[in-house]
Amino acid sequence: MAEPEKIDQLFKNLMDQTKQLLATPLPLPDDILEQRSCHDWLRREAKTLALSPNMLDRIASIGLLGRLWLPTDQQEKAKLARCPSLENTLAYRLKQILSNFNQGYWVLIDREMCRVIDATFIFLENIHTFSNNPVSKEKDNKKIDLAFAQAVATRDLLESCLYTLRIAGYNLTYIEQKLTNLDNLFLSVLKTTTHPESYIYPGMVKIYLAVSWMDIGKWWGLKGDKFIGTSAFDPDE
């Protein structure tokens, strides 16, 4: 086989492998939860993501359940309180499911996450530029607020993907550094904003409320009607 033909064949094989990996079926929320009780809004959000044609949405569906799940059934709550061992958590169930996935699959997810992080970084830089321009700020305030809300929703999606990769045992050193850089830019934009109350993206209220309870260290979330991470939020209140 001639050298160009070998290269073409290698490329075709790589594309076939990639397609095969991307076709790997992911568990649906009901399969993950089995008989566990769950808040209706969380089950609904996870199902919506799980049925999305977007690869990261489907990965985020798993991570969203892992991050924010709490039982609603009183007996389940009591069981977790009596015996909060790993075996009784949803994380243990997820670890069992994801341990069977090919490592190459997570490499593809890593690459797609990095692409989205880079795109969000550029998007935020543009928001920062416009929000600091007196003319454009006066003219496009609502657009700037909506754009930032969209960026925050994307950051939450990335957090769910990160959770999934962490449970799968994937090395997150590089991607966590990229997210740290992105978060630093988010906070820089927040410091210059005058409309923090506008940063609640439609449909995300329940998620942000849950984040404020479950992921206390995160800068996005709600405390009452205050958006965490803005000057309107006082952590000592």
Protein backbone atom coordinates (compact mmCIF):
# COMPACT_ATOMS: atom_id res chain seq x y z
CA MET A 1 0.00 0.00 0.00
CA ALA A 2 1.38 3.42 -0.99
CA GLU A 3 2.17 5.91 1.77
CA PRO A 4 -0.74 8.28 0.97
CA GLU A 5 -3.11 5.31 0.96
CA LYS A 6 -1.78 4.21 4.37
CA ILE A 7 -2.40 7.68 5.76
CA ASP A 8 -5.91 7.73 4.31
CA GLN A 9 -6.63 4.32 5.82
CA LEU A 10 -5.28 5.36 9.23
CA PHE A 11 -7.42 8.49 9.13
CA LYS A 12 -10.48 6.45 8.15
CA ASN A 13 -9.82 3.99 10.97
CA LEU A 14 -9.48 6.86 13.44
CA MET A 15 -12.75 8.41 12.26
CA ASP A 16 -14.50 5.04 12.51
CA GLN A 17 -13.19 4.57 16.06
CA THR A 18 -14.34 8.07 16.99
CA LYS A 19 -17.82 7.47 15.58
CA GLN A 20 -18.00 4.17 17.44
CA LEU A 21 -17.00 5.83 20.71
CA LEU A 22 -19.49 8.66 20.25
CA ALA A 23 -22.21 6.10 19.59
CA THR A 24 -21.61 4.54 23.01
CA PRO A 25 -25.04 4.57 24.71
CA LEU A 26 -25.24 6.53 27.95
CA PRO A 27 -27.57 5.54 30.78
CA LEU A 28 -30.80 7.53 31.05
CA PRO A 29 -31.76 9.18 34.36
CA ASP A 30 -34.37 6.54 35.21
CA ASP A 31 -31.79 3.79 34.63
CA ILE A 32 -29.35 5.58 36.94
CA LEU A 33 -31.85 6.32 39.68
CA GLU A 34 -33.44 2.83 39.56
CA GLN A 35 -35.98 2.91 42.41
CA ARG A 36 -34.51 5.98 44.13
CA SER A 37 -36.78 8.93 44.76
CA CYS A 38 -35.78 12.23 43.19
CA HIS A 39 -37.04 15.80 42.96
CA ASP A 40 -39.27 16.13 39.91
CA TRP A 41 -37.45 19.21 38.59
CA LEU A 42 -34.07 17.44 38.74
CA ARG A 43 -35.35 14.31 37.02
CA ARG A 44 -36.94 16.50 34.35
CA GLU A 45 -33.77 18.56 33.77
CA ALA A 46 -31.62 15.43 33.60
CA LYS A 47 -33.99 13.80 31.09
CA THR A 48 -33.97 16.89 28.88
CA LEU A 49 -30.16 16.84 28.79
CA ALA A 50 -30.04 13.07 28.26
CA LEU A 51 -32.19 13.33 25.13
CA SER A 52 -30.21 16.20 23.62
CA PRO A 53 -28.29 15.62 20.35
CA ASN A 54 -25.37 17.49 21.94
CA MET A 55 -22.71 15.17 23.36
CA LEU A 56 -21.83 17.38 26.36
CA ASP A 57 -25.49 17.76 27.29
CA ARG A 58 -25.80 13.98 27.53
CA ILE A 59 -22.65 13.77 29.66
CA ALA A 60 -23.93 16.64 31.82
CA SER A 61 -27.17 14.74 32.43
CA ILE A 62 -25.22 12.17 34.45
CA GLY A 63 -23.18 14.76 36.33
CA LEU A 64 -26.22 16.90 37.14
CA LEU A 65 -27.84 13.96 38.93
CA GLY A 66 -24.60 13.16 40.73
CA ARG A 67 -24.06 16.75 41.88
CA LEU A 68 -27.56 17.69 43.00
CA TRP A 69 -29.46 14.49 43.82
CA LEU A 70 -31.09 14.15 47.22
CA PRO A 71 -33.81 11.62 48.03
CA THR A 72 -37.33 12.91 48.59
CA ASP A 73 -38.60 9.73 50.23
CA GLN A 74 -38.43 9.89 54.03
CA GLN A 75 -37.28 6.28 54.40
CA GLU A 76 -34.44 6.86 51.94
CA LYS A 77 -33.43 10.01 53.81
CA ALA A 78 -33.42 8.08 57.09
CA LYS A 79 -31.34 5.28 55.57
CA LEU A 80 -28.73 7.74 54.31
CA ALA A 81 -28.68 9.47 57.70
CA ARG A 82 -28.21 6.17 59.55
CA CYS A 83 -25.66 4.74 57.13
CA PRO A 84 -24.06 7.40 54.91
CA SER A 85 -21.67 4.88 53.39
CA LEU A 86 -20.54 5.12 49.78
CA GLU A 87 -22.68 2.13 48.80
CA ASN A 88 -25.84 4.06 49.68
CA THR A 89 -24.99 7.07 47.53
CA LEU A 90 -25.77 7.80 43.91
CA ALA A 91 -22.05 8.41 43.34
CA TYR A 92 -21.39 4.72 43.99
CA ARG A 93 -24.02 3.74 41.44
CA LEU A 94 -22.52 6.13 38.87
CA LYS A 95 -19.01 4.82 39.49
CA GLN A 96 -20.21 1.29 38.75
CA ILE A 97 -21.86 2.39 35.50
CA LEU A 98 -19.01 4.55 34.20
CA SER A 99 -16.20 2.12 35.04
CA ASN A 100 -17.05 0.12 31.92
CA PHE A 101 -16.51 3.02 29.50
CA ASN A 102 -13.52 3.12 27.16
CA GLN A 103 -10.86 5.64 28.25
CA GLY A 104 -10.79 6.95 24.69
CA TYR A 105 -14.38 8.09 25.15
CA TRP A 106 -13.39 10.39 28.01
CA VAL A 107 -10.54 11.80 25.93
CA LEU A 108 -13.12 12.90 23.35
CA ILE A 109 -15.26 14.47 26.08
CA ASP A 110 -12.18 16.24 27.47
CA ARG A 111 -11.42 17.74 24.05
CA GLU A 112 -14.99 18.93 23.56
CA MET A 113 -15.04 20.47 27.04
CA CYS A 114 -11.79 22.31 26.30
CA ARG A 115 -13.30 23.64 23.09
CA VAL A 116 -16.37 24.93 24.94
CA ILE A 117 -14.23 26.45 27.71
CA ASP A 118 -12.11 28.31 25.15
CA ALA A 119 -15.22 29.55 23.32
CA THR A 120 -16.81 30.69 26.60
CA PHE A 121 -13.60 32.49 27.57
CA ILE A 122 -13.67 34.50 24.33
CA PHE A 123 -17.41 35.10 24.77
CA LEU A 124 -16.81 36.47 28.29
CA GLU A 125 -13.96 38.70 27.13
CA ASN A 126 -16.34 40.23 24.59
CA ILE A 127 -18.98 40.74 27.28
CA HIS A 128 -16.36 42.38 29.49
CA THR A 129 -15.35 44.73 26.68
CA PHE A 130 -18.93 45.73 25.89
CA SER A 131 -19.93 46.13 29.55
CA ASN A 132 -17.01 48.53 30.12
CA ASN A 133 -17.86 50.62 27.07
CA PRO A 134 -20.20 53.44 28.22
CA VAL A 135 -21.87 53.70 24.82
CA SER A 136 -22.51 50.00 24.24
CA LYS A 137 -23.45 49.48 27.89
CA GLU A 138 -26.18 52.10 27.67
CA LYS A 139 -27.42 50.69 24.38
CA ASP A 140 -27.16 46.93 24.96
CA ASN A 141 -27.59 46.43 28.71
CA LYS A 142 -30.24 43.73 28.36
CA LYS A 143 -28.23 41.90 25.72
CA ILE A 144 -25.14 41.98 27.93
CA ASP A 145 -27.12 40.65 30.92
CA LEU A 146 -28.65 37.84 28.86
CA ALA A 147 -25.27 36.96 27.35
CA PHE A 148 -23.70 36.70 30.79
CA ALA A 149 -26.60 34.58 32.03
CA GLN A 150 -26.03 32.26 29.07
CA ALA A 151 -22.32 32.01 29.95
CA VAL A 152 -23.15 31.13 33.57
CA ALA A 153 -25.54 28.40 32.40
CA THR A 154 -22.74 27.01 30.21
CA ARG A 155 -20.39 27.04 33.22
CA ASP A 156 -22.89 25.02 35.21
CA LEU A 157 -23.15 22.54 32.34
CA LEU A 158 -19.35 22.21 32.32
CA GLU A 159 -19.44 21.53 36.06
CA SER A 160 -21.81 18.63 35.50
CA CYS A 161 -19.51 17.26 32.79
CA LEU A 162 -16.55 17.66 35.15
CA TYR A 163 -18.38 15.64 37.81
CA THR A 164 -19.02 12.85 35.32
CA LEU A 165 -15.36 12.68 34.30
CA ARG A 166 -14.27 12.73 37.94
CA ILE A 167 -16.54 9.80 38.82
CA ALA A 168 -15.18 7.96 35.75
CA GLY A 169 -11.65 8.33 37.17
CA TYR A 170 -10.37 10.57 34.38
CA ASN A 171 -7.33 12.81 34.98
CA LEU A 172 -8.72 16.34 35.37
CA THR A 173 -5.55 18.35 36.08
CA TYR A 174 -5.48 20.21 32.75
CA ILE A 175 -9.19 20.82 32.41
CA GLU A 176 -9.52 22.02 36.03
CA GLN A 177 -6.79 24.61 35.40
CA LYS A 178 -8.66 25.83 32.33
CA LEU A 179 -11.85 26.11 34.37
CA THR A 180 -9.99 28.04 37.09
CA ASN A 181 -8.84 30.55 34.48
CA LEU A 182 -12.40 30.80 33.17
CA ASP A 183 -13.78 31.34 36.67
CA ASN A 184 -11.27 34.11 37.33
CA LEU A 185 -12.55 35.88 34.23
CA PHE A 186 -16.15 35.35 35.35
CA LEU A 187 -15.37 37.02 38.67
CA SER A 188 -13.63 39.92 36.94
CA VAL A 189 -16.77 40.53 34.90
CA LEU A 190 -18.97 40.25 37.98
CA LYS A 191 -16.96 42.95 39.78
CA THR A 192 -17.78 45.48 37.08
CA THR A 193 -21.46 44.64 36.68
CA THR A 194 -24.36 46.79 37.82
CA HIS A 195 -27.14 44.29 37.12
CA PRO A 196 -26.38 41.09 39.12
CA GLU A 197 -30.09 40.37 39.55
CA SER A 198 -30.33 39.82 35.78
CA TYR A 199 -27.96 36.85 35.78
CA ILE A 200 -30.56 34.20 36.45
CA TYR A 201 -31.04 32.41 33.15
CA PRO A 202 -34.65 31.32 32.50
CA GLY A 203 -35.18 27.76 33.65
CA MET A 204 -32.03 27.67 35.82
CA VAL A 205 -33.52 28.91 39.12
CA LYS A 206 -33.98 25.42 40.63
CA ILE A 207 -30.46 24.42 39.62
CA TYR A 208 -28.90 27.56 41.10
CA LEU A 209 -30.84 27.06 44.33
CA ALA A 210 -29.53 23.49 44.52
CA VAL A 211 -25.97 24.63 43.79
CA SER A 212 -26.12 27.04 46.72
CA TRP A 213 -27.04 24.11 48.98
CA MET A 214 -24.92 21.31 47.51
CA ASP A 215 -21.85 23.09 46.11
CA ILE A 216 -21.25 25.77 48.71
CA GLY A 217 -17.81 26.59 47.35
CA LYS A 218 -19.12 27.50 43.90
CA TRP A 219 -19.47 31.15 42.97
CA TRP A 220 -22.78 30.70 41.12
CA GLY A 221 -26.04 29.89 42.85
CA LEU A 222 -28.81 31.65 44.76
CA LYS A 223 -29.28 32.74 48.33
CA GLY A 224 -32.86 33.90 48.51
CA ASP A 225 -33.10 36.02 45.38
CA LYS A 226 -29.41 37.02 45.49
CA PHE A 227 -27.03 35.64 42.90
CA ILE A 228 -23.92 34.24 44.61
CA GLY A 229 -20.70 35.84 43.40
CA THR A 230 -22.07 39.34 42.96
CA SER A 231 -21.64 42.37 45.19
CA ALA A 232 -25.28 41.87 46.20
CA PHE A 233 -24.36 38.61 47.94
CA ASP A 234 -23.00 38.79 51.48
CA PRO A 235 -21.67 35.37 52.59
CA ASP A 236 -21.84 36.49 56.24
CA GLU A 237 -25.57 37.25 56.19
